[in-house]
Amino acid sequence: MGAHAAEFAEHGPAVAQAQAFARRWREGYPQLVVRLLRDLPELLAFFQCPRALWRKLRTTNVIERCFVEVRRRTRPMVCLVNVQSVERMIFSIFNRFNLEWRPRTLRQFTQVA
């Protein structure tokens, strides 16, 4: 399984499922299985946080939403003048997100920190 997986041994069900997946798909997708097992500690790192945070930590919805907004704003432009104009556009989008999210506090995150 790999040296790093031992540190997540207490998360037996998740590790066992990863091992079962690896056995099932190793022959057909060897590179995928190697990467999965290599990255397993990072994939299971959310288990180190309080259970109340697991759902928020496992999803990428917030990140995906940011990039949907970038695409939505840049696609109609078809052609951007230069790299600096692209950087300004993307900065303004993410800056707006930061300003909107600043007053929001997730209690569990502040308690963990």
N, C-alpha and C. Protein backbone atom coordinates (compact mmCIF):
# COMPACT_ATOMS: atom_id res chain seq x y z
N MET A 1 0.82 -1.20 0.00
CA MET A 1 0.00 0.00 0.00
C MET A 1 0.85 1.25 0.00
N GLY A 2 2.00 1.25 0.59
CA GLY A 2 2.83 2.44 0.62
C GLY A 2 3.10 2.87 2.04
N ALA A 3 4.24 3.49 2.24
CA ALA A 3 4.67 3.86 3.58
C ALA A 3 3.74 4.88 4.22
N HIS A 4 3.23 5.81 3.42
CA HIS A 4 2.42 6.89 4.00
C HIS A 4 1.06 6.41 4.49
N ALA A 5 0.54 5.35 3.92
CA ALA A 5 -0.79 4.90 4.30
C ALA A 5 -0.84 4.45 5.76
N ALA A 6 0.28 4.05 6.32
CA ALA A 6 0.30 3.59 7.71
C ALA A 6 -0.16 4.67 8.67
N GLU A 7 0.16 5.93 8.37
CA GLU A 7 -0.24 6.99 9.29
C GLU A 7 -1.75 7.21 9.29
N PHE A 8 -2.45 6.65 8.32
CA PHE A 8 -3.90 6.77 8.26
C PHE A 8 -4.58 5.45 8.60
N ALA A 9 -3.86 4.56 9.25
CA ALA A 9 -4.40 3.24 9.55
C ALA A 9 -5.67 3.30 10.38
N GLU A 10 -5.81 4.35 11.21
CA GLU A 10 -7.01 4.46 12.03
C GLU A 10 -8.25 4.72 11.19
N HIS A 11 -8.08 5.07 9.95
CA HIS A 11 -9.21 5.29 9.04
C HIS A 11 -9.38 4.06 8.17
N GLY A 12 -9.41 2.93 8.84
CA GLY A 12 -9.44 1.63 8.19
C GLY A 12 -10.43 1.49 7.06
N PRO A 13 -11.69 1.87 7.23
CA PRO A 13 -12.64 1.68 6.13
C PRO A 13 -12.23 2.40 4.85
N ALA A 14 -11.74 3.62 4.95
CA ALA A 14 -11.34 4.36 3.75
C ALA A 14 -10.12 3.72 3.11
N VAL A 15 -9.16 3.33 3.93
CA VAL A 15 -7.95 2.68 3.41
C VAL A 15 -8.32 1.34 2.78
N ALA A 16 -9.21 0.60 3.43
CA ALA A 16 -9.63 -0.70 2.88
C ALA A 16 -10.33 -0.52 1.54
N GLN A 17 -11.15 0.51 1.41
CA GLN A 17 -11.82 0.77 0.14
C GLN A 17 -10.82 1.14 -0.94
N ALA A 18 -9.82 1.92 -0.59
CA ALA A 18 -8.78 2.29 -1.56
C ALA A 18 -8.01 1.05 -2.00
N GLN A 19 -7.72 0.17 -1.06
CA GLN A 19 -7.00 -1.06 -1.40
C GLN A 19 -7.85 -1.95 -2.31
N ALA A 20 -9.14 -2.05 -2.02
CA ALA A 20 -10.04 -2.85 -2.86
C ALA A 20 -10.11 -2.25 -4.26
N PHE A 21 -10.20 -0.93 -4.34
CA PHE A 21 -10.21 -0.25 -5.64
C PHE A 21 -8.93 -0.57 -6.40
N ALA A 22 -7.81 -0.49 -5.71
CA ALA A 22 -6.51 -0.76 -6.34
C ALA A 22 -6.44 -2.18 -6.88
N ARG A 23 -6.90 -3.14 -6.09
CA ARG A 23 -6.89 -4.53 -6.57
C ARG A 23 -7.77 -4.69 -7.80
N ARG A 24 -8.93 -4.06 -7.79
CA ARG A 24 -9.88 -4.20 -8.89
C ARG A 24 -9.37 -3.58 -10.18
N TRP A 25 -8.71 -2.43 -10.11
CA TRP A 25 -8.36 -1.65 -11.30
C TRP A 25 -6.88 -1.64 -11.64
N ARG A 26 -6.04 -2.26 -10.84
CA ARG A 26 -4.59 -2.22 -11.05
C ARG A 26 -4.20 -2.69 -12.45
N GLU A 27 -4.79 -3.77 -12.90
CA GLU A 27 -4.40 -4.33 -14.19
C GLU A 27 -4.81 -3.43 -15.36
N GLY A 28 -6.00 -2.91 -15.33
CA GLY A 28 -6.48 -2.08 -16.44
C GLY A 28 -5.97 -0.65 -16.42
N TYR A 29 -5.72 -0.12 -15.23
CA TYR A 29 -5.31 1.28 -15.09
C TYR A 29 -4.15 1.39 -14.10
N PRO A 30 -3.01 0.83 -14.44
CA PRO A 30 -1.90 0.78 -13.47
C PRO A 30 -1.41 2.16 -13.03
N GLN A 31 -1.33 3.11 -13.93
CA GLN A 31 -0.83 4.44 -13.55
C GLN A 31 -1.80 5.14 -12.61
N LEU A 32 -3.08 4.99 -12.86
CA LEU A 32 -4.08 5.59 -11.99
C LEU A 32 -3.96 5.02 -10.57
N VAL A 33 -3.81 3.71 -10.48
CA VAL A 33 -3.71 3.06 -9.16
C VAL A 33 -2.44 3.51 -8.44
N VAL A 34 -1.33 3.61 -9.16
CA VAL A 34 -0.09 4.07 -8.54
C VAL A 34 -0.28 5.47 -7.97
N ARG A 35 -0.90 6.35 -8.74
CA ARG A 35 -1.11 7.73 -8.27
C ARG A 35 -2.07 7.78 -7.09
N LEU A 36 -3.13 6.99 -7.17
CA LEU A 36 -4.09 6.97 -6.07
C LEU A 36 -3.40 6.56 -4.77
N LEU A 37 -2.66 5.48 -4.82
CA LEU A 37 -2.01 4.99 -3.61
C LEU A 37 -0.91 5.94 -3.14
N ARG A 38 -0.22 6.57 -4.08
CA ARG A 38 0.81 7.54 -3.70
C ARG A 38 0.19 8.75 -3.00
N ASP A 39 -0.97 9.18 -3.49
CA ASP A 39 -1.60 10.39 -2.96
C ASP A 39 -2.62 10.11 -1.86
N LEU A 40 -2.77 8.86 -1.48
CA LEU A 40 -3.79 8.51 -0.49
C LEU A 40 -3.69 9.31 0.81
N PRO A 41 -2.51 9.55 1.36
CA PRO A 41 -2.46 10.36 2.59
C PRO A 41 -3.08 11.74 2.41
N GLU A 42 -2.83 12.38 1.28
CA GLU A 42 -3.41 13.69 1.04
C GLU A 42 -4.92 13.59 0.83
N LEU A 43 -5.36 12.54 0.17
CA LEU A 43 -6.79 12.36 -0.07
C LEU A 43 -7.55 12.11 1.23
N LEU A 44 -6.89 11.52 2.20
CA LEU A 44 -7.54 11.20 3.47
C LEU A 44 -7.21 12.19 4.58
N ALA A 45 -6.49 13.24 4.26
CA ALA A 45 -6.05 14.20 5.28
C ALA A 45 -7.22 14.86 6.00
N PHE A 46 -8.38 14.99 5.34
CA PHE A 46 -9.51 15.64 5.99
C PHE A 46 -9.95 14.88 7.25
N PHE A 47 -9.61 13.58 7.36
CA PHE A 47 -9.96 12.81 8.55
C PHE A 47 -9.28 13.36 9.80
N GLN A 48 -8.22 14.13 9.66
CA GLN A 48 -7.51 14.68 10.81
C GLN A 48 -8.26 15.85 11.43
N CYS A 49 -9.24 16.37 10.73
CA CYS A 49 -10.03 17.50 11.23
C CYS A 49 -11.31 16.99 11.89
N PRO A 50 -11.98 17.85 12.64
CA PRO A 50 -13.24 17.44 13.26
C PRO A 50 -14.26 16.99 12.22
N ARG A 51 -15.04 16.00 12.58
CA ARG A 51 -16.03 15.42 11.66
C ARG A 51 -16.96 16.49 11.07
N ALA A 52 -17.28 17.52 11.84
CA ALA A 52 -18.19 18.57 11.36
C ALA A 52 -17.64 19.28 10.12
N LEU A 53 -16.34 19.25 9.92
CA LEU A 53 -15.73 19.93 8.77
C LEU A 53 -15.55 19.03 7.55
N TRP A 54 -15.70 17.73 7.71
CA TRP A 54 -15.36 16.80 6.64
C TRP A 54 -16.04 17.14 5.32
N ARG A 55 -17.34 17.42 5.35
CA ARG A 55 -18.05 17.68 4.09
C ARG A 55 -17.49 18.91 3.38
N LYS A 56 -17.24 19.95 4.12
CA LYS A 56 -16.70 21.17 3.51
C LYS A 56 -15.30 20.95 2.96
N LEU A 57 -14.51 20.14 3.65
CA LEU A 57 -13.14 19.91 3.23
C LEU A 57 -13.05 18.96 2.04
N ARG A 58 -13.99 18.06 1.91
CA ARG A 58 -13.93 17.08 0.82
C ARG A 58 -14.40 17.63 -0.51
N THR A 59 -15.26 18.64 -0.51
CA THR A 59 -15.82 19.12 -1.77
C THR A 59 -14.97 20.23 -2.35
N THR A 60 -15.10 20.40 -3.63
CA THR A 60 -14.41 21.49 -4.32
C THR A 60 -15.42 22.45 -4.93
N ASN A 61 -16.66 22.42 -4.46
CA ASN A 61 -17.71 23.25 -5.05
C ASN A 61 -17.36 24.73 -5.05
N VAL A 62 -16.80 25.22 -3.96
CA VAL A 62 -16.47 26.64 -3.87
C VAL A 62 -15.40 26.98 -4.90
N ILE A 63 -14.39 26.15 -5.01
CA ILE A 63 -13.32 26.38 -5.98
C ILE A 63 -13.87 26.32 -7.40
N GLU A 64 -14.69 25.31 -7.67
CA GLU A 64 -15.26 25.17 -9.01
C GLU A 64 -16.12 26.37 -9.36
N ARG A 65 -16.88 26.87 -8.38
CA ARG A 65 -17.74 28.04 -8.63
C ARG A 65 -16.90 29.25 -9.03
N CYS A 66 -15.75 29.41 -8.41
CA CYS A 66 -14.87 30.53 -8.76
C CYS A 66 -14.44 30.45 -10.22
N PHE A 67 -14.06 29.27 -10.66
CA PHE A 67 -13.58 29.14 -12.04
C PHE A 67 -14.72 29.21 -13.05
N VAL A 68 -15.93 28.82 -12.65
CA VAL A 68 -17.09 29.02 -13.52
C VAL A 68 -17.28 30.51 -13.75
N GLU A 69 -17.13 31.29 -12.69
CA GLU A 69 -17.28 32.74 -12.82
C GLU A 69 -16.19 33.34 -13.71
N VAL A 70 -14.97 32.86 -13.59
CA VAL A 70 -13.89 33.35 -14.46
C VAL A 70 -14.23 33.06 -15.92
N ARG A 71 -14.66 31.84 -16.21
CA ARG A 71 -15.02 31.50 -17.59
C ARG A 71 -16.20 32.34 -18.07
N ARG A 72 -17.20 32.52 -17.21
CA ARG A 72 -18.37 33.30 -17.59
C ARG A 72 -17.99 34.74 -17.95
N ARG A 73 -17.05 35.29 -17.22
CA ARG A 73 -16.67 36.68 -17.46
C ARG A 73 -15.71 36.84 -18.62
N THR A 74 -14.88 35.85 -18.90
CA THR A 74 -13.86 36.01 -19.94
C THR A 74 -14.31 35.50 -21.31
N ARG A 75 -15.21 34.54 -21.38
CA ARG A 75 -15.63 33.99 -22.68
C ARG A 75 -16.23 35.03 -23.62
N PRO A 76 -17.11 35.90 -23.15
CA PRO A 76 -17.69 36.88 -24.08
C PRO A 76 -16.66 37.83 -24.68
N MET A 77 -15.51 37.96 -24.06
CA MET A 77 -14.49 38.88 -24.55
C MET A 77 -13.76 38.34 -25.76
N VAL A 78 -13.83 37.08 -26.01
CA VAL A 78 -13.21 36.38 -27.14
C VAL A 78 -11.70 36.59 -27.18
N CYS A 79 -11.26 37.83 -27.21
CA CYS A 79 -9.83 38.10 -27.30
C CYS A 79 -9.46 39.14 -26.25
N LEU A 80 -8.53 38.79 -25.41
CA LEU A 80 -8.06 39.74 -24.41
C LEU A 80 -6.75 40.36 -24.91
N VAL A 81 -6.56 41.61 -24.64
CA VAL A 81 -5.46 42.38 -25.21
C VAL A 81 -4.09 41.80 -24.90
N ASN A 82 -3.85 41.49 -23.63
CA ASN A 82 -2.54 40.98 -23.23
C ASN A 82 -2.66 40.21 -21.91
N VAL A 83 -1.57 39.65 -21.47
CA VAL A 83 -1.57 38.86 -20.24
C VAL A 83 -1.98 39.72 -19.04
N GLN A 84 -1.53 40.95 -19.01
CA GLN A 84 -1.86 41.83 -17.88
C GLN A 84 -3.37 42.06 -17.78
N SER A 85 -4.05 42.17 -18.91
CA SER A 85 -5.50 42.37 -18.86
C SER A 85 -6.21 41.13 -18.32
N VAL A 86 -5.70 39.96 -18.68
CA VAL A 86 -6.26 38.71 -18.15
C VAL A 86 -6.02 38.66 -16.64
N GLU A 87 -4.82 39.00 -16.21
CA GLU A 87 -4.51 38.99 -14.78
C GLU A 87 -5.41 39.96 -14.01
N ARG A 88 -5.64 41.15 -14.57
CA ARG A 88 -6.51 42.12 -13.90
C ARG A 88 -7.94 41.58 -13.78
N MET A 89 -8.42 40.96 -14.84
CA MET A 89 -9.78 40.41 -14.83
C MET A 89 -9.91 39.32 -13.76
N ILE A 90 -8.98 38.39 -13.76
CA ILE A 90 -9.04 37.29 -12.80
C ILE A 90 -8.86 37.81 -11.38
N PHE A 91 -7.94 38.76 -11.19
CA PHE A 91 -7.75 39.34 -9.87
C PHE A 91 -9.04 39.99 -9.38
N SER A 92 -9.72 40.73 -10.23
CA SER A 92 -10.94 41.41 -9.80
C SER A 92 -12.02 40.42 -9.41
N ILE A 93 -12.12 39.31 -10.12
CA ILE A 93 -13.12 38.30 -9.79
C ILE A 93 -12.82 37.69 -8.42
N PHE A 94 -11.57 37.28 -8.22
CA PHE A 94 -11.22 36.65 -6.94
C PHE A 94 -11.22 37.66 -5.79
N ASN A 95 -10.88 38.89 -6.07
CA ASN A 95 -10.94 39.93 -5.04
C ASN A 95 -12.38 40.13 -4.58
N ARG A 96 -13.32 40.14 -5.54
CA ARG A 96 -14.73 40.27 -5.17
C ARG A 96 -15.17 39.10 -4.29
N PHE A 97 -14.77 37.88 -4.66
CA PHE A 97 -15.10 36.72 -3.82
C PHE A 97 -14.54 36.90 -2.42
N ASN A 98 -13.30 37.33 -2.32
CA ASN A 98 -12.68 37.52 -1.00
C ASN A 98 -13.45 38.54 -0.17
N LEU A 99 -13.86 39.63 -0.79
CA LEU A 99 -14.62 40.65 -0.06
C LEU A 99 -15.97 40.13 0.39
N GLU A 100 -16.62 39.34 -0.47
CA GLU A 100 -17.92 38.78 -0.10
C GLU A 100 -17.80 37.75 1.02
N TRP A 101 -16.72 36.99 1.01
CA TRP A 101 -16.57 35.90 1.98
C TRP A 101 -15.94 36.35 3.29
N ARG A 102 -15.31 37.51 3.30
CA ARG A 102 -14.59 37.96 4.50
C ARG A 102 -15.47 37.94 5.75
N PRO A 103 -16.70 38.47 5.71
CA PRO A 103 -17.49 38.48 6.96
C PRO A 103 -18.02 37.11 7.37
N ARG A 104 -17.96 36.14 6.51
CA ARG A 104 -18.47 34.80 6.84
C ARG A 104 -17.45 34.03 7.65
N THR A 105 -17.90 33.50 8.76
CA THR A 105 -17.01 32.72 9.61
C THR A 105 -17.60 31.34 9.79
N LEU A 106 -16.79 30.34 9.59
CA LEU A 106 -17.20 28.97 9.87
C LEU A 106 -16.66 28.63 11.25
N ARG A 107 -17.56 28.50 12.20
CA ARG A 107 -17.14 28.29 13.59
C ARG A 107 -16.14 27.15 13.73
N GLN A 108 -16.41 26.04 13.05
CA GLN A 108 -15.54 24.89 13.21
C GLN A 108 -14.12 25.20 12.75
N PHE A 109 -13.98 26.00 11.70
CA PHE A 109 -12.64 26.32 11.21
C PHE A 109 -11.88 27.17 12.22
N THR A 110 -12.54 28.13 12.83
CA THR A 110 -11.85 28.98 13.80
C THR A 110 -11.52 28.20 15.06
N GLN A 111 -12.34 27.22 15.41
CA GLN A 111 -12.06 26.41 16.59
C GLN A 111 -10.87 25.49 16.36
N VAL A 112 -10.70 25.01 15.13
CA VAL A 112 -9.59 24.11 14.82
C VAL A 112 -8.29 24.89 14.77
N ALA A 113 -8.33 26.09 14.24
CA ALA A 113 -7.12 26.91 14.08
C ALA A 113 -6.59 27.33 15.37
